[in-house]
């Protein structure tokens, strides 16, 4: 099962995604893409740590996400990736177009080839106003395109708002 979970900030998407991956009954690996740049982000990361089971394996990888997924690719494995919009931010901040494109393409191939249970968390950023600056617009465009690509590769897509999961695509 491959499942994309979308939602806004504090929408409940992380809690829902964690419930989904835990239901697999398989060993879970939590792949975190965030980097801690300030006190607020440190608090957010700590909250995520407190809200997930201690027995879950943790891999922190801000850039080479495809390499991590390829290393975990097994029918007996469950993986949750949190989150794709932070991963895109990390890549955009490198200001290396070639690396961005290589990582995106490698990631899509890794998701397509993944044989275990995979729950992907991504923010839906396209529901607000058009950003004023070029980098923010680029980020929104990249996130929207990535979410569309991931949705095509997954069996299920769920949008979470106000803690309520709304199925957008389902394999049942």
C-alpha atoms as a PDB file:
ATOM      1  CA  UNK A   1       0.000   0.000   0.000  1.00  0.00           C
ATOM      2  CA  UNK A   2       1.225   3.459  -0.928  1.00  0.00           C
ATOM      3  CA  UNK A   3      -0.661   6.321   0.659  1.00  0.00           C
ATOM      4  CA  UNK A   4      -0.227  10.080   0.186  1.00  0.00           C
ATOM      5  CA  UNK A   5      -1.541  12.198   3.062  1.00  0.00           C
ATOM      6  CA  UNK A   6      -2.037  15.885   2.347  1.00  0.00           C
ATOM      7  CA  UNK A   7      -3.085  18.761   4.572  1.00  0.00           C
ATOM      8  CA  UNK A   8      -2.234  22.208   5.826  1.00  0.00           C
ATOM      9  CA  UNK A   9      -0.260  23.249   8.884  1.00  0.00           C
ATOM     10  CA  UNK A  10      -1.731  21.720  12.071  1.00  0.00           C
ATOM     11  CA  UNK A  11      -4.401  19.961  10.034  1.00  0.00           C
ATOM     12  CA  UNK A  12      -3.925  16.585  11.730  1.00  0.00           C
ATOM     13  CA  UNK A  13      -2.190  15.019   8.728  1.00  0.00           C
ATOM     14  CA  UNK A  14       0.756  13.719  10.749  1.00  0.00           C
ATOM     15  CA  UNK A  15      -1.386  11.959  13.351  1.00  0.00           C
ATOM     16  CA  UNK A  16      -3.541  10.424  10.635  1.00  0.00           C
ATOM     17  CA  UNK A  17      -0.483   9.294   8.651  1.00  0.00           C
ATOM     18  CA  UNK A  18       1.046   7.705  11.745  1.00  0.00           C
ATOM     19  CA  UNK A  19      -2.181   5.780  12.397  1.00  0.00           C
ATOM     20  CA  UNK A  20      -2.109   4.497   8.817  1.00  0.00           C
ATOM     21  CA  UNK A  21       1.476   3.261   8.909  1.00  0.00           C
ATOM     22  CA  UNK A  22       1.034   1.710  12.364  1.00  0.00           C
ATOM     23  CA  UNK A  23      -1.971  -0.266  11.084  1.00  0.00           C
ATOM     24  CA  UNK A  24       0.305  -2.166   8.699  1.00  0.00           C
ATOM     25  CA  UNK A  25       1.572  -4.306  11.570  1.00  0.00           C
ATOM     26  CA  UNK A  26       5.056  -4.184  10.047  1.00  0.00           C
ATOM     27  CA  UNK A  27       8.199  -2.663  11.535  1.00  0.00           C
ATOM     28  CA  UNK A  28       8.022   1.093  10.951  1.00  0.00           C
ATOM     29  CA  UNK A  29      10.790   3.408   9.855  1.00  0.00           C
ATOM     30  CA  UNK A  30      10.062   7.118  10.239  1.00  0.00           C
ATOM     31  CA  UNK A  31      12.007   9.178   7.689  1.00  0.00           C
ATOM     32  CA  UNK A  32      12.277  12.815   8.761  1.00  0.00           C
ATOM     33  CA  UNK A  33      13.285  15.435   6.202  1.00  0.00           C
ATOM     34  CA  UNK A  34      13.293  18.549   8.369  1.00  0.00           C
ATOM     35  CA  UNK A  35      16.291  20.574   9.339  1.00  0.00           C
ATOM     36  CA  UNK A  36      16.267  22.593  12.543  1.00  0.00           C
ATOM     37  CA  UNK A  37      17.075  26.214  11.755  1.00  0.00           C
ATOM     38  CA  UNK A  38      15.340  27.995  14.634  1.00  0.00           C
ATOM     39  CA  UNK A  39      13.653  27.501  18.015  1.00  0.00           C
ATOM     40  CA  UNK A  40      10.180  27.119  16.518  1.00  0.00           C
ATOM     41  CA  UNK A  41      11.325  24.309  14.237  1.00  0.00           C
ATOM     42  CA  UNK A  42      13.083  22.637  17.144  1.00  0.00           C
ATOM     43  CA  UNK A  43       9.794  22.662  19.079  1.00  0.00           C
ATOM     44  CA  UNK A  44       7.924  21.189  16.112  1.00  0.00           C
ATOM     45  CA  UNK A  45      10.480  18.405  15.723  1.00  0.00           C
ATOM     46  CA  UNK A  46      10.305  17.647  19.442  1.00  0.00           C
ATOM     47  CA  UNK A  47       6.502  17.450  19.298  1.00  0.00           C
ATOM     48  CA  UNK A  48       6.740  14.958  16.425  1.00  0.00           C
ATOM     49  CA  UNK A  49       9.217  12.862  18.416  1.00  0.00           C
ATOM     50  CA  UNK A  50       6.901  12.800  21.423  1.00  0.00           C
ATOM     51  CA  UNK A  51       3.899  11.819  19.312  1.00  0.00           C
ATOM     52  CA  UNK A  52       5.367   8.750  17.628  1.00  0.00           C
ATOM     53  CA  UNK A  53       6.101   5.340  19.131  1.00  0.00           C
ATOM     54  CA  UNK A  54       9.581   4.996  20.599  1.00  0.00           C
ATOM     55  CA  UNK A  55      10.098   1.623  18.899  1.00  0.00           C
ATOM     56  CA  UNK A  56       9.913   3.132  15.427  1.00  0.00           C
ATOM     57  CA  UNK A  57      13.276   3.409  13.721  1.00  0.00           C
ATOM     58  CA  UNK A  58      14.231   6.980  12.779  1.00  0.00           C
ATOM     59  CA  UNK A  59      16.245   8.123   9.776  1.00  0.00           C
ATOM     60  CA  UNK A  60      16.865  11.829   9.325  1.00  0.00           C
ATOM     61  CA  UNK A  61      17.603  12.757   5.710  1.00  0.00           C
ATOM     62  CA  UNK A  62      17.001  16.270   4.392  1.00  0.00           C
ATOM     63  CA  UNK A  63      18.111  15.742   0.774  1.00  0.00           C
ATOM     64  CA  UNK A  64      18.849  12.201  -0.497  1.00  0.00           C
ATOM     65  CA  UNK A  65      15.376  10.828   0.139  1.00  0.00           C
ATOM     66  CA  UNK A  66      15.413   8.406  -2.808  1.00  0.00           C
ATOM     67  CA  UNK A  67      18.557   6.730  -1.466  1.00  0.00           C
ATOM     68  CA  UNK A  68      16.846   6.157   1.882  1.00  0.00           C
ATOM     69  CA  UNK A  69      13.691   4.718   0.300  1.00  0.00           C
ATOM     70  CA  UNK A  70      15.756   2.442  -1.921  1.00  0.00           C
ATOM     71  CA  UNK A  71      17.671   1.159   1.125  1.00  0.00           C
ATOM     72  CA  UNK A  72      14.389   0.379   2.926  1.00  0.00           C
ATOM     73  CA  UNK A  73      12.620  -1.195  -0.054  1.00  0.00           C
ATOM     74  CA  UNK A  74      11.195  -4.488   1.220  1.00  0.00           C
ATOM     75  CA  UNK A  75       7.706  -6.031   1.266  1.00  0.00           C
ATOM     76  CA  UNK A  76       8.174  -6.527   5.020  1.00  0.00           C
ATOM     77  CA  UNK A  77       8.830  -2.839   5.756  1.00  0.00           C
ATOM     78  CA  UNK A  78       6.519   0.065   6.563  1.00  0.00           C
ATOM     79  CA  UNK A  79       7.858   3.574   6.028  1.00  0.00           C
ATOM     80  CA  UNK A  80       6.451   6.999   6.767  1.00  0.00           C
ATOM     81  CA  UNK A  81       8.097  10.036   5.185  1.00  0.00           C
ATOM     82  CA  UNK A  82       7.482  13.412   6.835  1.00  0.00           C
ATOM     83  CA  UNK A  83       7.407  15.617   4.897  1.00  0.00           C
ATOM     84  CA  UNK A  84       7.822  16.296   1.217  1.00  0.00           C
ATOM     85  CA  UNK A  85       7.362  20.050   1.385  1.00  0.00           C
ATOM     86  CA  UNK A  86      10.220  20.374   3.880  1.00  0.00           C
ATOM     87  CA  UNK A  87      12.329  18.163   1.608  1.00  0.00           C
ATOM     88  CA  UNK A  88      11.556  20.443  -1.346  1.00  0.00           C
ATOM     89  CA  UNK A  89      12.444  23.485   0.753  1.00  0.00           C
ATOM     90  CA  UNK A  90      15.804  21.945   1.600  1.00  0.00           C
ATOM     91  CA  UNK A  91      16.529  21.298  -2.072  1.00  0.00           C
ATOM     92  CA  UNK A  92      15.365  24.728  -3.227  1.00  0.00           C
ATOM     93  CA  UNK A  93      17.596  26.390  -0.651  1.00  0.00           C
ATOM     94  CA  UNK A  94      20.618  24.686  -2.201  1.00  0.00           C
ATOM     95  CA  UNK A  95      20.046  26.789  -5.327  1.00  0.00           C
ATOM     96  CA  UNK A  96      21.274  23.881  -7.456  1.00  0.00           C
ATOM     97  CA  UNK A  97      18.794  23.215 -10.265  1.00  0.00           C
ATOM     98  CA  UNK A  98      20.544  20.048 -11.423  1.00  0.00           C
ATOM     99  CA  UNK A  99      20.489  18.525  -7.937  1.00  0.00           C
ATOM    100  CA  UNK A 100      16.828  19.483  -7.476  1.00  0.00           C
ATOM    101  CA  UNK A 101      15.823  17.778 -10.706  1.00  0.00           C
ATOM    102  CA  UNK A 102      17.972  14.695 -10.032  1.00  0.00           C
ATOM    103  CA  UNK A 103      16.554  14.246  -6.530  1.00  0.00           C
ATOM    104  CA  UNK A 104      12.950  14.709  -7.684  1.00  0.00           C
ATOM    105  CA  UNK A 105      13.281  12.160 -10.482  1.00  0.00           C
ATOM    106  CA  UNK A 106      15.126   9.668  -8.274  1.00  0.00           C
ATOM    107  CA  UNK A 107      12.461  10.072  -5.590  1.00  0.00           C
ATOM    108  CA  UNK A 108       9.591   9.376  -7.966  1.00  0.00           C
ATOM    109  CA  UNK A 109      11.350   6.233  -9.216  1.00  0.00           C
ATOM    110  CA  UNK A 110      11.966   5.093  -5.627  1.00  0.00           C
ATOM    111  CA  UNK A 111       8.303   5.596  -4.693  1.00  0.00           C
ATOM    112  CA  UNK A 112       7.145   3.732  -7.780  1.00  0.00           C
ATOM    113  CA  UNK A 113       9.485   0.806  -7.048  1.00  0.00           C
ATOM    114  CA  UNK A 114       8.774   0.621  -3.296  1.00  0.00           C
ATOM    115  CA  UNK A 115       7.360  -2.787  -2.323  1.00  0.00           C
ATOM    116  CA  UNK A 116       6.444  -2.288   1.335  1.00  0.00           C
ATOM    117  CA  UNK A 117       3.851  -0.048   2.943  1.00  0.00           C
ATOM    118  CA  UNK A 118       4.652   3.587   2.325  1.00  0.00           C
ATOM    119  CA  UNK A 119       2.882   6.595   3.833  1.00  0.00           C
ATOM    120  CA  UNK A 120       3.946   9.943   2.420  1.00  0.00           C
ATOM    121  CA  UNK A 121       3.100  13.205   4.177  1.00  0.00           C
ATOM    122  CA  UNK A 122       3.024  16.476   2.277  1.00  0.00           C
ATOM    123  CA  UNK A 123       1.577  19.911   2.869  1.00  0.00           C
ATOM    124  CA  UNK A 124      -1.069  21.256   0.553  1.00  0.00           C
ATOM    125  CA  UNK A 125       0.082  24.814   0.013  1.00  0.00           C
ATOM    126  CA  UNK A 126      -2.013  25.747  -2.997  1.00  0.00           C
ATOM    127  CA  UNK A 127      -5.179  26.749  -1.165  1.00  0.00           C
ATOM    128  CA  UNK A 128      -4.030  30.201  -0.080  1.00  0.00           C
ATOM    129  CA  UNK A 129      -3.283  33.434  -1.860  1.00  0.00           C
ATOM    130  CA  UNK A 130      -0.634  33.693  -4.582  1.00  0.00           C
ATOM    131  CA  UNK A 131       2.688  34.391  -2.852  1.00  0.00           C
ATOM    132  CA  UNK A 132       4.285  37.803  -3.441  1.00  0.00           C
ATOM    133  CA  UNK A 133       7.878  36.730  -4.028  1.00  0.00           C
ATOM    134  CA  UNK A 134       9.469  34.523  -6.664  1.00  0.00           C
ATOM    135  CA  UNK A 135      10.885  31.907  -4.280  1.00  0.00           C
ATOM    136  CA  UNK A 136       7.526  31.422  -2.532  1.00  0.00           C
ATOM    137  CA  UNK A 137       5.772  31.063  -5.897  1.00  0.00           C
ATOM    138  CA  UNK A 138       8.400  28.575  -7.037  1.00  0.00           C
ATOM    139  CA  UNK A 139       7.964  26.587  -3.833  1.00  0.00           C
ATOM    140  CA  UNK A 140       4.172  26.459  -4.268  1.00  0.00           C
ATOM    141  CA  UNK A 141       4.563  25.369  -7.895  1.00  0.00           C
ATOM    142  CA  UNK A 142       7.121  22.669  -7.017  1.00  0.00           C
ATOM    143  CA  UNK A 143       5.011  21.376  -4.117  1.00  0.00           C
ATOM    144  CA  UNK A 144       1.872  21.257  -6.253  1.00  0.00           C
ATOM    145  CA  UNK A 145       3.653  19.397  -9.034  1.00  0.00           C
ATOM    146  CA  UNK A 146       5.269  16.959  -6.601  1.00  0.00           C
ATOM    147  CA  UNK A 147       1.941  16.258  -4.880  1.00  0.00           C
ATOM    148  CA  UNK A 148       0.323  15.537  -8.263  1.00  0.00           C
ATOM    149  CA  UNK A 149       3.151  13.180  -9.224  1.00  0.00           C
ATOM    150  CA  UNK A 150       2.999  11.372  -5.892  1.00  0.00           C
ATOM    151  CA  UNK A 151      -0.785  11.057  -6.126  1.00  0.00           C
ATOM    152  CA  UNK A 152      -0.399   9.219  -9.436  1.00  0.00           C
ATOM    153  CA  UNK A 153       2.031   6.735  -7.857  1.00  0.00           C
ATOM    154  CA  UNK A 154      -0.010   5.945  -4.756  1.00  0.00           C
ATOM    155  CA  UNK A 155      -3.016   3.688  -4.187  1.00  0.00           C
ATOM    156  CA  UNK A 156      -4.609   6.067  -1.718  1.00  0.00           C
ATOM    157  CA  UNK A 157      -4.664   9.840  -1.278  1.00  0.00           C
ATOM    158  CA  UNK A 158      -6.245  11.462   1.758  1.00  0.00           C
ATOM    159  CA  UNK A 159      -6.690  15.161   2.464  1.00  0.00           C
ATOM    160  CA  UNK A 160      -6.835  16.043   6.159  1.00  0.00           C
ATOM    161  CA  UNK A 161      -8.443  19.263   7.400  1.00  0.00           C
ATOM    162  CA  UNK A 162      -9.404  20.065  10.999  1.00  0.00           C
ATOM    163  CA  UNK A 163      -8.339  16.540  11.936  1.00  0.00           C
ATOM    164  CA  UNK A 164     -10.845  15.023   9.528  1.00  0.00           C
ATOM    165  CA  UNK A 165      -9.551  12.678   6.831  1.00  0.00           C
ATOM    166  CA  UNK A 166     -11.234  13.058   3.466  1.00  0.00           C
ATOM    167  CA  UNK A 167     -10.424  10.326   0.941  1.00  0.00           C
ATOM    168  CA  UNK A 168      -9.532  11.665  -2.496  1.00  0.00           C
ATOM    169  CA  UNK A 169      -8.336   8.394  -4.021  1.00  0.00           C
ATOM    170  CA  UNK A 170      -8.887   4.914  -2.652  1.00  0.00           C
ATOM    171  CA  UNK A 171      -7.945   1.409  -3.715  1.00  0.00           C
ATOM    172  CA  UNK A 172     -10.900  -0.154  -1.970  1.00  0.00           C
END
